[in-house]
């Protein structure tokens, strides 16, 4: 599986580079498929180094993300083969379609070649969810809680401590009550 993962990463990086050159976009986002390929190679190299970790699941995740990114190319391929006029250039459609088909083949191969794939995939999903949850909560904490806490601390006085009145006792808002009003608490 290690060799298959590395070969998949190399093919994905080459297809990502081809898509970047064909697409004509100078955007960093256009290099994302090539980055997925490099990450798949990295996960392939890590396989077998740690006995308790399954690095090939990272490569499977890159394959799934690559497939999601190539759905538009696959749909354009269906339109092109059906005789229609797609919105993308033909070379870009072929690059994205090959990337999507390669990703599906890799995920299917991983499913059949890895023992207890579903159980290990759940462990990887739990790890990924834990990591992303920590990241999201950290970002939320530093962007929402800290500014709110600083604002309340600097500008708020909910206990009226900063502005001390002349009398330290406050007037009671409720008047005198008789026994019947005290017993009726609703």
N, C-alpha and C. Protein backbone atom coordinates (compact mmCIF):
# COMPACT_ATOMS: atom_id res chain seq x y z
N UNK A 1 0.83 -1.20 0.00
CA UNK A 1 0.00 0.00 0.00
C UNK A 1 0.87 1.25 0.00
N UNK A 2 2.07 1.14 0.59
CA UNK A 2 2.98 2.29 0.64
C UNK A 2 3.38 2.71 -0.77
N UNK A 3 3.75 1.75 -1.60
CA UNK A 3 4.16 2.07 -2.98
C UNK A 3 2.98 2.62 -3.78
N UNK A 4 1.80 2.06 -3.58
CA UNK A 4 0.61 2.57 -4.28
C UNK A 4 0.32 4.01 -3.87
N UNK A 5 0.48 4.31 -2.59
CA UNK A 5 0.24 5.67 -2.10
C UNK A 5 1.24 6.65 -2.71
N UNK A 6 2.50 6.28 -2.76
CA UNK A 6 3.51 7.17 -3.33
C UNK A 6 3.27 7.38 -4.82
N UNK A 7 2.94 6.31 -5.55
CA UNK A 7 2.64 6.44 -6.98
C UNK A 7 1.41 7.31 -7.19
N UNK A 8 0.39 7.12 -6.35
CA UNK A 8 -0.80 7.98 -6.44
C UNK A 8 -0.43 9.44 -6.20
N UNK A 9 0.40 9.70 -5.21
CA UNK A 9 0.82 11.07 -4.93
C UNK A 9 1.57 11.69 -6.09
N UNK A 10 2.46 10.91 -6.70
CA UNK A 10 3.21 11.44 -7.85
C UNK A 10 2.27 11.75 -9.01
N UNK A 11 1.36 10.81 -9.31
CA UNK A 11 0.41 11.05 -10.41
C UNK A 11 -0.50 12.24 -10.11
N UNK A 12 -0.94 12.36 -8.86
CA UNK A 12 -1.79 13.47 -8.48
C UNK A 12 -1.04 14.80 -8.59
N UNK A 13 0.23 14.82 -8.20
CA UNK A 13 1.03 16.05 -8.32
C UNK A 13 1.25 16.41 -9.78
N UNK A 14 1.51 15.42 -10.62
CA UNK A 14 1.71 15.69 -12.05
C UNK A 14 0.42 16.21 -12.68
N UNK A 15 -0.72 15.56 -12.36
CA UNK A 15 -2.00 16.03 -12.90
C UNK A 15 -2.35 17.42 -12.36
N UNK A 16 -2.00 17.70 -11.12
CA UNK A 16 -2.23 19.03 -10.57
C UNK A 16 -1.39 20.08 -11.26
N UNK A 17 -0.13 19.76 -11.56
CA UNK A 17 0.73 20.68 -12.30
C UNK A 17 0.22 20.88 -13.72
N UNK A 18 -0.25 19.80 -14.36
CA UNK A 18 -0.79 19.92 -15.71
C UNK A 18 -2.05 20.80 -15.69
N UNK A 19 -2.89 20.60 -14.70
CA UNK A 19 -4.09 21.42 -14.59
C UNK A 19 -3.74 22.89 -14.37
N UNK A 20 -2.67 23.15 -13.62
CA UNK A 20 -2.24 24.53 -13.36
C UNK A 20 -1.75 25.19 -14.65
N UNK A 21 -0.98 24.45 -15.45
CA UNK A 21 -0.47 25.04 -16.69
C UNK A 21 -1.56 25.19 -17.74
N UNK A 22 -2.49 24.26 -17.79
CA UNK A 22 -3.57 24.33 -18.78
C UNK A 22 -4.59 25.40 -18.40
N UNK A 23 -4.86 25.51 -17.10
CA UNK A 23 -5.88 26.45 -16.64
C UNK A 23 -5.51 27.90 -16.88
N UNK A 24 -4.23 28.23 -16.93
CA UNK A 24 -3.79 29.59 -17.19
C UNK A 24 -4.02 30.53 -16.02
N UNK A 25 -4.37 30.02 -14.87
CA UNK A 25 -4.61 30.86 -13.70
C UNK A 25 -3.32 31.00 -12.91
N UNK A 26 -3.01 32.21 -12.50
CA UNK A 26 -1.81 32.46 -11.72
C UNK A 26 -2.12 32.45 -10.23
N UNK A 27 -3.26 31.92 -9.86
CA UNK A 27 -3.69 31.90 -8.47
C UNK A 27 -3.01 30.77 -7.70
N UNK A 28 -2.83 30.97 -6.42
CA UNK A 28 -2.25 29.94 -5.57
C UNK A 28 -3.23 28.77 -5.42
N UNK A 29 -4.53 29.07 -5.48
CA UNK A 29 -5.55 28.02 -5.35
C UNK A 29 -5.48 27.02 -6.49
N UNK A 30 -4.96 27.44 -7.65
CA UNK A 30 -4.85 26.52 -8.77
C UNK A 30 -3.78 25.46 -8.52
N UNK A 31 -2.86 25.71 -7.60
CA UNK A 31 -1.83 24.73 -7.26
C UNK A 31 -2.27 23.75 -6.18
N UNK A 32 -3.49 23.88 -5.70
CA UNK A 32 -3.98 23.02 -4.63
C UNK A 32 -3.97 21.53 -5.00
N UNK A 33 -4.37 21.12 -6.22
CA UNK A 33 -4.28 19.69 -6.54
C UNK A 33 -2.85 19.16 -6.50
N UNK A 34 -1.88 19.97 -6.94
CA UNK A 34 -0.49 19.53 -6.86
C UNK A 34 -0.05 19.41 -5.41
N UNK A 35 -0.53 20.31 -4.55
CA UNK A 35 -0.23 20.22 -3.12
C UNK A 35 -0.84 18.96 -2.51
N UNK A 36 -2.05 18.60 -2.94
CA UNK A 36 -2.66 17.34 -2.48
C UNK A 36 -1.76 16.16 -2.86
N UNK A 37 -1.21 16.19 -4.06
CA UNK A 37 -0.31 15.13 -4.49
C UNK A 37 0.94 15.06 -3.64
N UNK A 38 1.52 16.21 -3.33
CA UNK A 38 2.72 16.23 -2.49
C UNK A 38 2.40 15.73 -1.07
N UNK A 39 1.23 16.09 -0.56
CA UNK A 39 0.83 15.58 0.76
C UNK A 39 0.61 14.07 0.73
N UNK A 40 0.04 13.56 -0.38
CA UNK A 40 -0.15 12.11 -0.50
C UNK A 40 1.21 11.41 -0.53
N UNK A 41 2.19 11.99 -1.23
CA UNK A 41 3.55 11.41 -1.23
C UNK A 41 4.10 11.41 0.19
N UNK A 42 3.91 12.52 0.90
CA UNK A 42 4.39 12.62 2.28
C UNK A 42 3.76 11.55 3.16
N UNK A 43 2.43 11.36 3.02
CA UNK A 43 1.77 10.33 3.81
C UNK A 43 2.24 8.93 3.40
N UNK A 44 2.55 8.75 2.11
CA UNK A 44 3.07 7.46 1.66
C UNK A 44 4.44 7.17 2.25
N UNK A 45 5.28 8.19 2.35
CA UNK A 45 6.61 8.01 2.95
C UNK A 45 6.48 7.70 4.44
N UNK A 46 5.49 8.30 5.11
CA UNK A 46 5.31 8.07 6.55
C UNK A 46 4.76 6.69 6.89
N UNK A 47 4.19 5.99 5.91
CA UNK A 47 3.58 4.69 6.20
C UNK A 47 4.63 3.71 6.72
N UNK A 48 4.29 3.04 7.78
CA UNK A 48 5.18 2.03 8.34
C UNK A 48 6.17 2.59 9.34
N UNK A 49 6.28 3.88 9.47
CA UNK A 49 7.24 4.45 10.42
C UNK A 49 6.71 4.39 11.85
N UNK A 50 5.41 4.56 12.00
CA UNK A 50 4.80 4.54 13.32
C UNK A 50 3.82 3.38 13.36
N UNK A 51 4.04 2.44 14.24
CA UNK A 51 3.23 1.23 14.25
C UNK A 51 1.79 1.49 14.68
N UNK A 52 1.56 2.50 15.50
CA UNK A 52 0.21 2.75 15.99
C UNK A 52 -0.55 3.76 15.14
N UNK A 53 0.08 4.34 14.14
CA UNK A 53 -0.58 5.32 13.27
C UNK A 53 -0.73 4.72 11.88
N UNK A 54 -1.80 5.11 11.19
CA UNK A 54 -2.03 4.66 9.83
C UNK A 54 -1.97 5.87 8.91
N UNK A 55 -0.81 6.15 8.33
CA UNK A 55 -0.60 7.35 7.53
C UNK A 55 -1.33 7.29 6.20
N UNK A 56 -1.69 6.10 5.73
CA UNK A 56 -2.37 6.03 4.42
C UNK A 56 -3.76 6.66 4.46
N UNK A 57 -4.32 6.84 5.64
CA UNK A 57 -5.62 7.48 5.72
C UNK A 57 -5.52 8.97 5.39
N UNK A 58 -4.38 9.56 5.62
CA UNK A 58 -4.15 10.92 5.16
C UNK A 58 -4.16 10.99 3.65
N UNK A 59 -3.56 9.99 3.00
CA UNK A 59 -3.57 9.94 1.54
C UNK A 59 -4.98 9.71 1.01
N UNK A 60 -5.76 8.89 1.71
CA UNK A 60 -7.15 8.68 1.32
C UNK A 60 -7.93 9.99 1.45
N UNK A 61 -7.64 10.76 2.50
CA UNK A 61 -8.30 12.06 2.66
C UNK A 61 -7.92 13.00 1.52
N UNK A 62 -6.66 12.99 1.11
CA UNK A 62 -6.24 13.81 -0.04
C UNK A 62 -6.95 13.35 -1.31
N UNK A 63 -7.16 12.05 -1.46
CA UNK A 63 -7.87 11.53 -2.62
C UNK A 63 -9.32 11.99 -2.62
N UNK A 64 -9.95 11.97 -1.45
CA UNK A 64 -11.35 12.41 -1.36
C UNK A 64 -11.45 13.89 -1.67
N UNK A 65 -10.55 14.70 -1.12
CA UNK A 65 -10.57 16.14 -1.41
C UNK A 65 -10.29 16.41 -2.88
N UNK A 66 -9.38 15.63 -3.46
CA UNK A 66 -9.09 15.79 -4.89
C UNK A 66 -10.30 15.41 -5.73
N UNK A 67 -11.02 14.36 -5.34
CA UNK A 67 -12.22 13.97 -6.07
C UNK A 67 -13.30 15.06 -5.98
N UNK A 68 -13.48 15.63 -4.79
CA UNK A 68 -14.46 16.71 -4.63
C UNK A 68 -14.09 17.89 -5.51
N UNK A 69 -12.80 18.20 -5.59
CA UNK A 69 -12.34 19.30 -6.44
C UNK A 69 -12.48 19.02 -7.92
N UNK A 70 -12.59 17.77 -8.31
CA UNK A 70 -12.67 17.45 -9.73
C UNK A 70 -14.09 17.13 -10.20
N UNK A 71 -15.08 17.30 -9.35
CA UNK A 71 -16.47 16.99 -9.74
C UNK A 71 -16.91 17.84 -10.92
N UNK A 72 -16.53 19.13 -10.92
CA UNK A 72 -16.91 20.00 -12.04
C UNK A 72 -16.28 19.51 -13.34
N UNK A 73 -15.03 19.03 -13.28
CA UNK A 73 -14.38 18.49 -14.47
C UNK A 73 -15.05 17.22 -14.95
N UNK A 74 -15.46 16.37 -14.01
CA UNK A 74 -16.16 15.14 -14.40
C UNK A 74 -17.50 15.45 -15.05
N UNK A 75 -18.22 16.43 -14.50
CA UNK A 75 -19.49 16.81 -15.08
C UNK A 75 -19.29 17.42 -16.48
N UNK A 76 -18.24 18.21 -16.64
CA UNK A 76 -17.94 18.78 -17.95
C UNK A 76 -17.54 17.68 -18.93
N UNK A 77 -16.88 16.62 -18.44
CA UNK A 77 -16.54 15.49 -19.31
C UNK A 77 -17.80 14.79 -19.80
N UNK A 78 -18.79 14.64 -18.93
CA UNK A 78 -20.06 14.04 -19.33
C UNK A 78 -20.71 14.90 -20.42
N UNK A 79 -20.69 16.22 -20.24
CA UNK A 79 -21.27 17.12 -21.24
C UNK A 79 -20.48 17.03 -22.55
N UNK A 80 -19.15 16.98 -22.45
CA UNK A 80 -18.30 16.90 -23.65
C UNK A 80 -18.53 15.60 -24.40
N UNK A 81 -18.60 14.48 -23.69
CA UNK A 81 -18.82 13.19 -24.35
C UNK A 81 -20.24 13.06 -24.87
N UNK A 82 -21.17 13.81 -24.29
CA UNK A 82 -22.55 13.78 -24.77
C UNK A 82 -22.77 14.66 -26.00
N UNK A 83 -21.74 15.36 -26.43
CA UNK A 83 -21.85 16.19 -27.63
C UNK A 83 -22.18 17.64 -27.33
N UNK A 84 -22.24 18.02 -26.08
CA UNK A 84 -22.55 19.40 -25.72
C UNK A 84 -21.32 20.29 -25.71
N UNK A 85 -21.53 21.54 -25.41
CA UNK A 85 -20.44 22.50 -25.35
C UNK A 85 -20.18 22.86 -23.88
N UNK A 86 -19.10 22.37 -23.27
CA UNK A 86 -18.83 22.68 -21.86
C UNK A 86 -18.26 24.10 -21.71
N UNK A 87 -18.28 24.57 -20.48
CA UNK A 87 -17.81 25.93 -20.19
C UNK A 87 -16.29 25.99 -20.04
N UNK A 88 -15.64 24.85 -19.82
CA UNK A 88 -14.19 24.82 -19.61
C UNK A 88 -13.47 24.35 -20.87
N UNK A 89 -12.20 24.70 -21.03
CA UNK A 89 -11.42 24.16 -22.16
C UNK A 89 -11.29 22.64 -22.05
N UNK A 90 -11.15 21.99 -23.20
CA UNK A 90 -11.13 20.52 -23.24
C UNK A 90 -9.95 19.94 -22.46
N UNK A 91 -8.77 20.56 -22.56
CA UNK A 91 -7.60 20.04 -21.85
C UNK A 91 -7.80 20.12 -20.33
N UNK A 92 -8.40 21.19 -19.86
CA UNK A 92 -8.67 21.33 -18.43
C UNK A 92 -9.69 20.29 -17.97
N UNK A 93 -10.67 20.01 -18.81
CA UNK A 93 -11.66 18.98 -18.48
C UNK A 93 -10.98 17.62 -18.36
N UNK A 94 -10.08 17.30 -19.29
CA UNK A 94 -9.40 16.01 -19.23
C UNK A 94 -8.50 15.92 -18.01
N UNK A 95 -7.82 17.01 -17.66
CA UNK A 95 -6.93 17.00 -16.48
C UNK A 95 -7.75 16.77 -15.21
N UNK A 96 -8.84 17.49 -15.06
CA UNK A 96 -9.66 17.34 -13.86
C UNK A 96 -10.34 15.98 -13.82
N UNK A 97 -10.77 15.49 -14.97
CA UNK A 97 -11.44 14.19 -15.01
C UNK A 97 -10.48 13.07 -14.66
N UNK A 98 -9.26 13.13 -15.22
CA UNK A 98 -8.27 12.10 -14.88
C UNK A 98 -7.93 12.14 -13.40
N UNK A 99 -7.85 13.34 -12.84
CA UNK A 99 -7.57 13.48 -11.40
C UNK A 99 -8.70 12.87 -10.58
N UNK A 100 -9.94 13.12 -10.97
CA UNK A 100 -11.08 12.56 -10.26
C UNK A 100 -11.14 11.05 -10.36
N UNK A 101 -10.93 10.52 -11.57
CA UNK A 101 -10.96 9.06 -11.74
C UNK A 101 -9.80 8.39 -11.00
N UNK A 102 -8.62 9.01 -11.02
CA UNK A 102 -7.49 8.48 -10.27
C UNK A 102 -7.80 8.45 -8.78
N UNK A 103 -8.45 9.47 -8.28
CA UNK A 103 -8.81 9.53 -6.87
C UNK A 103 -9.80 8.43 -6.49
N UNK A 104 -10.78 8.21 -7.35
CA UNK A 104 -11.76 7.15 -7.07
C UNK A 104 -11.08 5.78 -7.08
N UNK A 105 -10.18 5.55 -8.03
CA UNK A 105 -9.47 4.26 -8.10
C UNK A 105 -8.61 4.07 -6.86
N UNK A 106 -7.94 5.14 -6.40
CA UNK A 106 -7.11 5.00 -5.21
C UNK A 106 -7.94 4.72 -3.96
N UNK A 107 -9.05 5.41 -3.79
CA UNK A 107 -9.90 5.16 -2.62
C UNK A 107 -10.44 3.73 -2.66
N UNK A 108 -10.84 3.25 -3.83
CA UNK A 108 -11.33 1.87 -3.94
C UNK A 108 -10.21 0.87 -3.63
N UNK A 109 -9.01 1.13 -4.13
CA UNK A 109 -7.88 0.24 -3.84
C UNK A 109 -7.56 0.24 -2.36
N UNK A 110 -7.59 1.41 -1.75
CA UNK A 110 -7.32 1.49 -0.31
C UNK A 110 -8.37 0.73 0.48
N UNK A 111 -9.61 0.84 0.06
CA UNK A 111 -10.69 0.16 0.76
C UNK A 111 -10.50 -1.35 0.73
N UNK A 112 -10.07 -1.87 -0.41
CA UNK A 112 -9.93 -3.32 -0.53
C UNK A 112 -8.59 -3.85 -0.01
N UNK A 113 -7.56 -3.00 0.04
CA UNK A 113 -6.25 -3.49 0.44
C UNK A 113 -5.94 -3.30 1.92
N UNK A 114 -6.61 -2.37 2.58
CA UNK A 114 -6.32 -2.12 3.99
C UNK A 114 -7.26 -2.97 4.84
N UNK A 115 -6.67 -3.72 5.75
CA UNK A 115 -7.48 -4.54 6.66
C UNK A 115 -8.25 -3.65 7.62
N UNK A 116 -9.50 -3.99 7.86
CA UNK A 116 -10.37 -3.25 8.78
C UNK A 116 -10.40 -1.76 8.44
N UNK A 117 -10.62 -1.48 7.18
CA UNK A 117 -10.56 -0.10 6.70
C UNK A 117 -11.51 0.81 7.46
N UNK A 118 -12.75 0.36 7.64
CA UNK A 118 -13.75 1.23 8.27
C UNK A 118 -13.38 1.57 9.72
N UNK A 119 -12.89 0.60 10.46
CA UNK A 119 -12.53 0.84 11.86
C UNK A 119 -11.37 1.83 11.95
N UNK A 120 -10.37 1.66 11.08
CA UNK A 120 -9.24 2.58 11.08
C UNK A 120 -9.66 3.96 10.57
N UNK A 121 -10.55 4.00 9.60
CA UNK A 121 -11.02 5.28 9.08
C UNK A 121 -11.77 6.06 10.17
N UNK A 122 -12.53 5.35 11.00
CA UNK A 122 -13.21 6.01 12.11
C UNK A 122 -12.21 6.59 13.11
N UNK A 123 -11.14 5.88 13.38
CA UNK A 123 -10.11 6.40 14.27
C UNK A 123 -9.48 7.66 13.68
N UNK A 124 -9.19 7.62 12.38
CA UNK A 124 -8.62 8.79 11.71
C UNK A 124 -9.61 9.95 11.74
N UNK A 125 -10.89 9.67 11.50
CA UNK A 125 -11.91 10.72 11.55
C UNK A 125 -12.04 11.31 12.94
N UNK A 126 -11.93 10.48 13.96
CA UNK A 126 -11.98 10.97 15.34
C UNK A 126 -10.79 11.88 15.62
N UNK A 127 -9.60 11.48 15.19
CA UNK A 127 -8.41 12.31 15.37
C UNK A 127 -8.56 13.63 14.63
N UNK A 128 -9.03 13.57 13.38
CA UNK A 128 -9.19 14.79 12.58
C UNK A 128 -10.25 15.70 13.17
N UNK A 129 -11.37 15.13 13.63
CA UNK A 129 -12.41 15.94 14.26
C UNK A 129 -11.94 16.59 15.54
N UNK A 130 -11.15 15.86 16.33
CA UNK A 130 -10.61 16.43 17.56
C UNK A 130 -9.67 17.59 17.25
N UNK A 131 -8.82 17.40 16.28
CA UNK A 131 -7.86 18.45 15.90
C UNK A 131 -8.56 19.68 15.35
N UNK A 132 -9.52 19.47 14.45
CA UNK A 132 -10.25 20.61 13.87
C UNK A 132 -11.12 21.30 14.91
N UNK A 133 -11.70 20.54 15.83
CA UNK A 133 -12.48 21.15 16.90
C UNK A 133 -11.62 22.04 17.78
N UNK A 134 -10.44 21.57 18.12
CA UNK A 134 -9.53 22.39 18.93
C UNK A 134 -9.12 23.65 18.17
N UNK A 135 -8.86 23.51 16.89
CA UNK A 135 -8.47 24.67 16.08
C UNK A 135 -9.60 25.68 16.00
N UNK A 136 -10.81 25.20 15.72
CA UNK A 136 -11.95 26.11 15.60
C UNK A 136 -12.25 26.81 16.92
N UNK A 137 -12.19 26.07 18.03
CA UNK A 137 -12.46 26.69 19.33
C UNK A 137 -11.35 27.66 19.73
N UNK A 138 -10.12 27.39 19.35
CA UNK A 138 -9.04 28.32 19.63
C UNK A 138 -9.24 29.62 18.87
N UNK A 139 -9.58 29.51 17.60
CA UNK A 139 -9.84 30.71 16.80
C UNK A 139 -11.03 31.47 17.36
N UNK A 140 -12.09 30.76 17.73
CA UNK A 140 -13.27 31.40 18.31
C UNK A 140 -12.93 32.11 19.61
N UNK A 141 -12.10 31.46 20.44
CA UNK A 141 -11.73 32.05 21.72
C UNK A 141 -10.98 33.37 21.52
N UNK A 142 -10.00 33.37 20.61
CA UNK A 142 -9.19 34.56 20.43
C UNK A 142 -9.88 35.65 19.62
N UNK A 143 -10.91 35.32 18.85
CA UNK A 143 -11.59 36.36 18.06
C UNK A 143 -12.88 36.85 18.70
N UNK A 144 -13.48 36.09 19.60
CA UNK A 144 -14.74 36.50 20.20
C UNK A 144 -14.61 36.74 21.70
N UNK A 145 -14.14 35.74 22.44
CA UNK A 145 -14.13 35.84 23.90
C UNK A 145 -13.17 36.90 24.43
N UNK A 146 -11.97 36.93 23.91
CA UNK A 146 -10.99 37.89 24.44
C UNK A 146 -11.41 39.33 24.16
N UNK A 147 -11.83 39.70 22.92
CA UNK A 147 -12.28 41.09 22.74
C UNK A 147 -13.51 41.43 23.58
N UNK A 148 -14.43 40.49 23.70
CA UNK A 148 -15.61 40.74 24.54
C UNK A 148 -15.22 40.94 26.00
N UNK A 149 -14.36 40.07 26.50
CA UNK A 149 -13.91 40.20 27.89
C UNK A 149 -13.17 41.50 28.14
N UNK A 150 -12.32 41.90 27.19
CA UNK A 150 -11.60 43.18 27.35
C UNK A 150 -12.57 44.35 27.32
N UNK A 151 -13.56 44.28 26.44
CA UNK A 151 -14.55 45.37 26.36
C UNK A 151 -15.36 45.50 27.64
N UNK A 152 -15.80 44.38 28.19
CA UNK A 152 -16.57 44.41 29.43
C UNK A 152 -15.70 44.89 30.59
N UNK A 153 -14.46 44.44 30.61
CA UNK A 153 -13.57 44.82 31.70
C UNK A 153 -13.25 46.32 31.65
N UNK A 154 -13.04 46.86 30.44
CA UNK A 154 -12.65 48.26 30.32
C UNK A 154 -13.84 49.23 30.41
N UNK A 155 -14.96 48.85 29.80
CA UNK A 155 -16.07 49.80 29.66
C UNK A 155 -17.30 49.47 30.50
N UNK A 156 -17.35 48.31 31.08
CA UNK A 156 -18.55 47.91 31.81
C UNK A 156 -18.35 48.00 33.33
N UNK A 157 -19.45 48.18 34.03
CA UNK A 157 -19.45 48.21 35.49
C UNK A 157 -20.78 47.61 35.97
N UNK A 158 -20.98 46.29 35.80
CA UNK A 158 -22.28 45.71 36.13
C UNK A 158 -22.61 45.74 37.63
N UNK A 159 -21.62 45.79 38.51
CA UNK A 159 -21.87 45.82 39.96
C UNK A 159 -21.84 47.24 40.53
N UNK A 160 -21.67 48.21 39.68
CA UNK A 160 -21.62 49.62 40.07
C UNK A 160 -20.55 49.85 41.14
N UNK A 161 -19.40 49.30 40.94
CA UNK A 161 -18.30 49.44 41.88
C UNK A 161 -17.51 50.72 41.61
N UNK A 162 -17.33 51.04 40.32
CA UNK A 162 -16.51 52.19 39.96
C UNK A 162 -17.17 53.52 40.36
N UNK A 163 -18.47 53.59 40.27
CA UNK A 163 -19.17 54.83 40.62
C UNK A 163 -19.90 54.62 41.94
N UNK A 164 -19.25 54.93 43.02
CA UNK A 164 -19.84 54.72 44.34
C UNK A 164 -20.80 55.86 44.67
N UNK A 165 -22.05 55.55 44.99
CA UNK A 165 -22.99 56.61 45.34
C UNK A 165 -22.69 57.17 46.73
N UNK A 166 -23.36 58.27 47.06
CA UNK A 166 -23.16 58.87 48.38
C UNK A 166 -23.64 57.92 49.47
N UNK A 167 -24.73 57.26 49.24
CA UNK A 167 -25.23 56.27 50.19
C UNK A 167 -24.85 54.89 49.69
N UNK A 168 -24.31 54.08 50.54
CA UNK A 168 -23.92 52.74 50.14
C UNK A 168 -25.09 51.77 50.13
N UNK A 169 -26.21 52.15 50.75
CA UNK A 169 -27.38 51.30 50.75
C UNK A 169 -28.27 51.70 49.59
N UNK A 170 -28.88 50.75 48.97
CA UNK A 170 -29.81 51.02 47.88
C UNK A 170 -31.22 50.95 48.41
N UNK A 171 -32.07 51.72 47.79
CA UNK A 171 -33.48 51.68 48.17
C UNK A 171 -34.09 50.36 47.73
N UNK A 172 -34.95 49.84 48.54
CA UNK A 172 -35.63 48.58 48.23
C UNK A 172 -36.73 48.86 47.22
N UNK A 173 -36.82 48.05 46.16
CA UNK A 173 -37.84 48.28 45.13
C UNK A 173 -39.19 47.69 45.52
N UNK A 174 -39.19 46.69 46.36
CA UNK A 174 -40.48 46.11 46.78
C UNK A 174 -40.97 46.85 48.02
N UNK A 175 -42.25 47.02 48.08
CA UNK A 175 -42.83 47.68 49.26
C UNK A 175 -43.09 46.68 50.37
N UNK A 176 -43.75 47.14 51.39
CA UNK A 176 -44.11 46.23 52.47
C UNK A 176 -45.16 45.25 51.96
N UNK A 177 -45.00 44.00 52.34
CA UNK A 177 -45.92 42.97 51.90
C UNK A 177 -46.61 42.36 53.12
N UNK A 178 -47.83 41.96 52.89
CA UNK A 178 -48.54 41.28 53.98
C UNK A 178 -48.35 39.77 53.83
N UNK A 179 -48.89 39.00 54.76
CA UNK A 179 -48.69 37.56 54.79
C UNK A 179 -49.25 36.88 53.54
N UNK A 180 -50.39 37.37 53.06
CA UNK A 180 -51.01 36.75 51.88
C UNK A 180 -50.14 36.94 50.63
N UNK A 181 -49.51 38.07 50.45
CA UNK A 181 -48.62 38.30 49.27
C UNK A 181 -47.34 37.48 49.38
N UNK A 182 -46.85 37.29 50.59
CA UNK A 182 -45.61 36.51 50.77
C UNK A 182 -45.87 35.04 50.49
N UNK A 183 -47.01 34.51 50.89
CA UNK A 183 -47.33 33.11 50.66
C UNK A 183 -47.61 32.81 49.20
N UNK A 184 -48.03 33.79 48.43
CA UNK A 184 -48.31 33.60 46.99
C UNK A 184 -47.03 33.98 46.22
N UNK A 185 -46.22 32.99 45.88
CA UNK A 185 -44.91 33.24 45.27
C UNK A 185 -44.94 33.17 43.74
N UNK A 186 -46.08 33.09 43.16
CA UNK A 186 -46.15 33.02 41.70
C UNK A 186 -46.93 34.18 41.14
